Amino acid sequence: MEAKDGSQKAADTSLTLDALPLGFQTNDAELDKAATVLRLLYIADLRNLQTKINDLIVSVQNYTANPKSDTSLGRVGR
């Protein structure tokens, strides 16, 4: 968010558990909150796993997609 003088101010990004979608209801408010926390932890674990997979893909691509060739050994044509 930008103030009138051009400086940047942090936006209020606080959320409550009630504001986050759970996807199902158990008709017990405390159980719904616990399920929401577990869902958020699961999503954080998935994000961490995805980051590790992306790092692995990048390292494999750096190894395979950047061939180093010795042009003194090769010929073009015959």
N, C-alpha and C. Protein backbone atom coordinates (compact mmCIF):
# COMPACT_ATOMS: atom_id res chain seq x y z
N MET A 1 0.84 -1.16 0.00
CA MET A 1 0.00 0.00 0.00
C MET A 1 0.89 1.23 0.00
N GLU A 2 0.57 2.22 -0.79
CA GLU A 2 1.41 3.40 -0.91
C GLU A 2 0.73 4.58 -0.23
N ALA A 3 1.49 5.29 0.58
CA ALA A 3 0.97 6.47 1.26
C ALA A 3 0.99 7.66 0.31
N LYS A 4 0.39 8.77 0.74
CA LYS A 4 0.32 9.98 -0.10
C LYS A 4 1.70 10.54 -0.40
N ASP A 5 2.65 10.35 0.51
CA ASP A 5 3.98 10.89 0.30
C ASP A 5 4.88 9.96 -0.51
N GLY A 6 4.34 8.85 -1.00
CA GLY A 6 5.11 7.95 -1.84
C GLY A 6 5.81 6.85 -1.09
N SER A 7 5.78 6.89 0.24
CA SER A 7 6.45 5.85 1.01
C SER A 7 5.58 4.59 1.07
N GLN A 8 6.23 3.48 1.27
CA GLN A 8 5.52 2.20 1.33
C GLN A 8 5.13 1.91 2.78
N LYS A 9 3.91 1.44 2.98
CA LYS A 9 3.45 1.02 4.29
C LYS A 9 3.00 -0.42 4.19
N ALA A 10 3.26 -1.19 5.21
CA ALA A 10 2.86 -2.59 5.22
C ALA A 10 1.35 -2.70 5.36
N ALA A 11 0.75 -3.55 4.56
CA ALA A 11 -0.68 -3.77 4.64
C ALA A 11 -0.96 -4.75 5.77
N ASP A 12 -2.13 -4.63 6.37
CA ASP A 12 -2.53 -5.55 7.43
C ASP A 12 -2.93 -6.87 6.78
N THR A 13 -2.12 -7.90 6.99
CA THR A 13 -2.37 -9.19 6.35
C THR A 13 -2.76 -10.26 7.36
N SER A 14 -3.24 -9.86 8.53
CA SER A 14 -3.62 -10.86 9.53
C SER A 14 -4.93 -11.52 9.13
N LEU A 15 -4.97 -12.83 9.31
CA LEU A 15 -6.15 -13.62 8.99
C LEU A 15 -6.58 -14.40 10.21
N THR A 16 -7.84 -14.73 10.24
CA THR A 16 -8.32 -15.62 11.29
C THR A 16 -8.58 -16.99 10.66
N LEU A 17 -8.64 -18.00 11.50
CA LEU A 17 -8.91 -19.34 10.98
C LEU A 17 -10.30 -19.43 10.37
N ASP A 18 -11.22 -18.60 10.84
CA ASP A 18 -12.57 -18.61 10.29
C ASP A 18 -12.61 -18.07 8.86
N ALA A 19 -11.63 -17.25 8.49
CA ALA A 19 -11.61 -16.66 7.16
C ALA A 19 -11.05 -17.62 6.11
N LEU A 20 -10.40 -18.69 6.55
CA LEU A 20 -9.80 -19.63 5.62
C LEU A 20 -10.78 -20.76 5.31
N PRO A 21 -10.90 -21.14 4.05
CA PRO A 21 -11.85 -22.20 3.69
C PRO A 21 -11.32 -23.57 4.13
N LEU A 22 -12.19 -24.36 4.70
CA LEU A 22 -11.82 -25.70 5.13
C LEU A 22 -12.19 -26.73 4.08
N GLY A 23 -13.30 -26.54 3.42
CA GLY A 23 -13.73 -27.48 2.38
C GLY A 23 -14.78 -28.45 2.86
N PHE A 24 -14.95 -28.54 4.17
CA PHE A 24 -15.99 -29.39 4.74
C PHE A 24 -16.33 -28.86 6.13
N GLN A 25 -17.42 -29.33 6.70
CA GLN A 25 -17.83 -28.91 8.04
C GLN A 25 -18.10 -30.14 8.90
N THR A 26 -17.74 -30.02 10.17
CA THR A 26 -17.98 -31.12 11.10
C THR A 26 -19.06 -30.78 12.12
N ASN A 27 -19.61 -29.58 12.04
CA ASN A 27 -20.60 -29.07 13.00
C ASN A 27 -20.03 -28.93 14.41
N ASP A 28 -18.71 -28.85 14.51
CA ASP A 28 -18.02 -28.59 15.77
C ASP A 28 -16.97 -27.53 15.48
N ALA A 29 -17.13 -26.36 16.06
CA ALA A 29 -16.25 -25.22 15.75
C ALA A 29 -14.80 -25.52 16.10
N GLU A 30 -14.55 -26.14 17.23
CA GLU A 30 -13.17 -26.44 17.63
C GLU A 30 -12.53 -27.46 16.70
N LEU A 31 -13.29 -28.45 16.30
CA LEU A 31 -12.77 -29.46 15.38
C LEU A 31 -12.50 -28.85 14.00
N ASP A 32 -13.36 -27.93 13.58
CA ASP A 32 -13.13 -27.23 12.30
C ASP A 32 -11.84 -26.42 12.35
N LYS A 33 -11.59 -25.75 13.48
CA LYS A 33 -10.35 -24.97 13.62
C LYS A 33 -9.12 -25.87 13.60
N ALA A 34 -9.22 -27.01 14.29
CA ALA A 34 -8.09 -27.95 14.31
C ALA A 34 -7.84 -28.50 12.91
N ALA A 35 -8.91 -28.80 12.18
CA ALA A 35 -8.77 -29.31 10.81
C ALA A 35 -8.17 -28.25 9.90
N THR A 36 -8.52 -26.99 10.13
CA THR A 36 -7.96 -25.90 9.32
C THR A 36 -6.46 -25.77 9.58
N VAL A 37 -6.06 -25.88 10.83
CA VAL A 37 -4.63 -25.81 11.17
C VAL A 37 -3.88 -26.97 10.52
N LEU A 38 -4.44 -28.18 10.61
CA LEU A 38 -3.80 -29.33 9.98
C LEU A 38 -3.70 -29.16 8.47
N ARG A 39 -4.73 -28.59 7.88
CA ARG A 39 -4.71 -28.35 6.42
C ARG A 39 -3.62 -27.35 6.06
N LEU A 40 -3.47 -26.29 6.85
CA LEU A 40 -2.43 -25.29 6.58
C LEU A 40 -1.04 -25.90 6.74
N LEU A 41 -0.86 -26.76 7.74
CA LEU A 41 0.44 -27.42 7.91
C LEU A 41 0.73 -28.36 6.74
N TYR A 42 -0.29 -29.05 6.26
CA TYR A 42 -0.12 -29.95 5.12
C TYR A 42 0.25 -29.16 3.86
N ILE A 43 -0.40 -28.02 3.67
CA ILE A 43 -0.09 -27.18 2.51
C ILE A 43 1.34 -26.65 2.60
N ALA A 44 1.78 -26.29 3.80
CA ALA A 44 3.16 -25.82 3.98
C ALA A 44 4.15 -26.94 3.66
N ASP A 45 3.84 -28.17 4.08
CA ASP A 45 4.71 -29.31 3.76
C ASP A 45 4.76 -29.56 2.26
N LEU A 46 3.60 -29.47 1.60
CA LEU A 46 3.58 -29.65 0.14
C LEU A 46 4.39 -28.58 -0.57
N ARG A 47 4.30 -27.34 -0.09
CA ARG A 47 5.06 -26.24 -0.70
C ARG A 47 6.56 -26.48 -0.53
N ASN A 48 6.97 -26.98 0.64
CA ASN A 48 8.38 -27.28 0.88
C ASN A 48 8.84 -28.40 -0.05
N LEU A 49 8.02 -29.44 -0.20
CA LEU A 49 8.36 -30.53 -1.11
C LEU A 49 8.46 -30.04 -2.55
N GLN A 50 7.54 -29.17 -2.97
CA GLN A 50 7.58 -28.64 -4.33
C GLN A 50 8.84 -27.83 -4.56
N THR A 51 9.26 -27.07 -3.57
CA THR A 51 10.49 -26.28 -3.69
C THR A 51 11.70 -27.19 -3.86
N LYS A 52 11.74 -28.28 -3.10
CA LYS A 52 12.86 -29.23 -3.22
C LYS A 52 12.85 -29.92 -4.58
N ILE A 53 11.66 -30.26 -5.08
CA ILE A 53 11.56 -30.87 -6.41
C ILE A 53 12.02 -29.89 -7.47
N ASN A 54 11.63 -28.64 -7.36
CA ASN A 54 12.06 -27.63 -8.33
C ASN A 54 13.58 -27.47 -8.32
N ASP A 55 14.18 -27.48 -7.13
CA ASP A 55 15.64 -27.38 -7.03
C ASP A 55 16.32 -28.57 -7.69
N LEU A 56 15.75 -29.76 -7.50
CA LEU A 56 16.29 -30.96 -8.12
C LEU A 56 16.19 -30.88 -9.64
N ILE A 57 15.07 -30.42 -10.14
CA ILE A 57 14.89 -30.28 -11.59
C ILE A 57 15.89 -29.31 -12.17
N VAL A 58 16.11 -28.20 -11.49
CA VAL A 58 17.07 -27.20 -11.96
C VAL A 58 18.48 -27.79 -11.98
N SER A 59 18.85 -28.53 -10.95
CA SER A 59 20.20 -29.10 -10.94
C SER A 59 20.38 -30.15 -12.03
N VAL A 60 19.35 -30.96 -12.29
CA VAL A 60 19.43 -31.95 -13.37
C VAL A 60 19.50 -31.25 -14.72
N GLN A 61 18.73 -30.19 -14.89
CA GLN A 61 18.78 -29.45 -16.15
C GLN A 61 20.13 -28.78 -16.36
N ASN A 62 20.73 -28.29 -15.31
CA ASN A 62 22.06 -27.69 -15.44
C ASN A 62 23.08 -28.73 -15.86
N TYR A 63 22.89 -29.95 -15.42
CA TYR A 63 23.82 -31.02 -15.78
C TYR A 63 23.59 -31.52 -17.20
N THR A 64 22.33 -31.68 -17.60
CA THR A 64 22.03 -32.28 -18.90
C THR A 64 21.82 -31.28 -20.02
N ALA A 65 21.36 -30.09 -19.73
CA ALA A 65 21.01 -29.15 -20.79
C ALA A 65 22.14 -28.20 -21.14
N ASN A 66 23.30 -28.39 -20.56
CA ASN A 66 24.43 -27.52 -20.84
C ASN A 66 25.62 -28.38 -21.26
N PRO A 67 25.53 -28.98 -22.44
CA PRO A 67 26.63 -29.86 -22.84
C PRO A 67 27.89 -29.06 -23.15
N LYS A 68 28.98 -29.62 -22.74
CA LYS A 68 30.26 -29.00 -23.06
C LYS A 68 30.90 -29.86 -24.15
N SER A 69 31.22 -29.25 -25.24
CA SER A 69 31.79 -30.01 -26.35
C SER A 69 33.19 -29.50 -26.67
N ASP A 70 33.99 -30.41 -27.18
CA ASP A 70 35.33 -30.08 -27.62
C ASP A 70 35.28 -29.92 -29.13
N THR A 71 35.28 -28.69 -29.60
CA THR A 71 35.13 -28.44 -31.04
C THR A 71 36.34 -28.87 -31.84
N SER A 72 37.47 -29.10 -31.18
CA SER A 72 38.65 -29.55 -31.93
C SER A 72 38.49 -30.99 -32.40
N LEU A 73 37.60 -31.75 -31.79
CA LEU A 73 37.38 -33.14 -32.19
C LEU A 73 36.29 -33.29 -33.26
N GLY A 74 35.46 -32.27 -33.41
CA GLY A 74 34.33 -32.40 -34.32
C GLY A 74 34.62 -31.82 -35.69
N ARG A 75 33.84 -32.31 -36.67
CA ARG A 75 33.92 -31.79 -38.03
C ARG A 75 32.52 -31.44 -38.50
N VAL A 76 32.45 -30.45 -39.33
CA VAL A 76 31.19 -30.09 -39.97
C VAL A 76 31.28 -30.56 -41.41
N GLY A 77 30.35 -31.42 -41.80
CA GLY A 77 30.37 -31.93 -43.17
C GLY A 77 31.43 -33.02 -43.31
N ARG A 78 31.72 -33.37 -44.57
CA ARG A 78 32.72 -34.40 -44.82
C ARG A 78 33.77 -33.95 -45.74
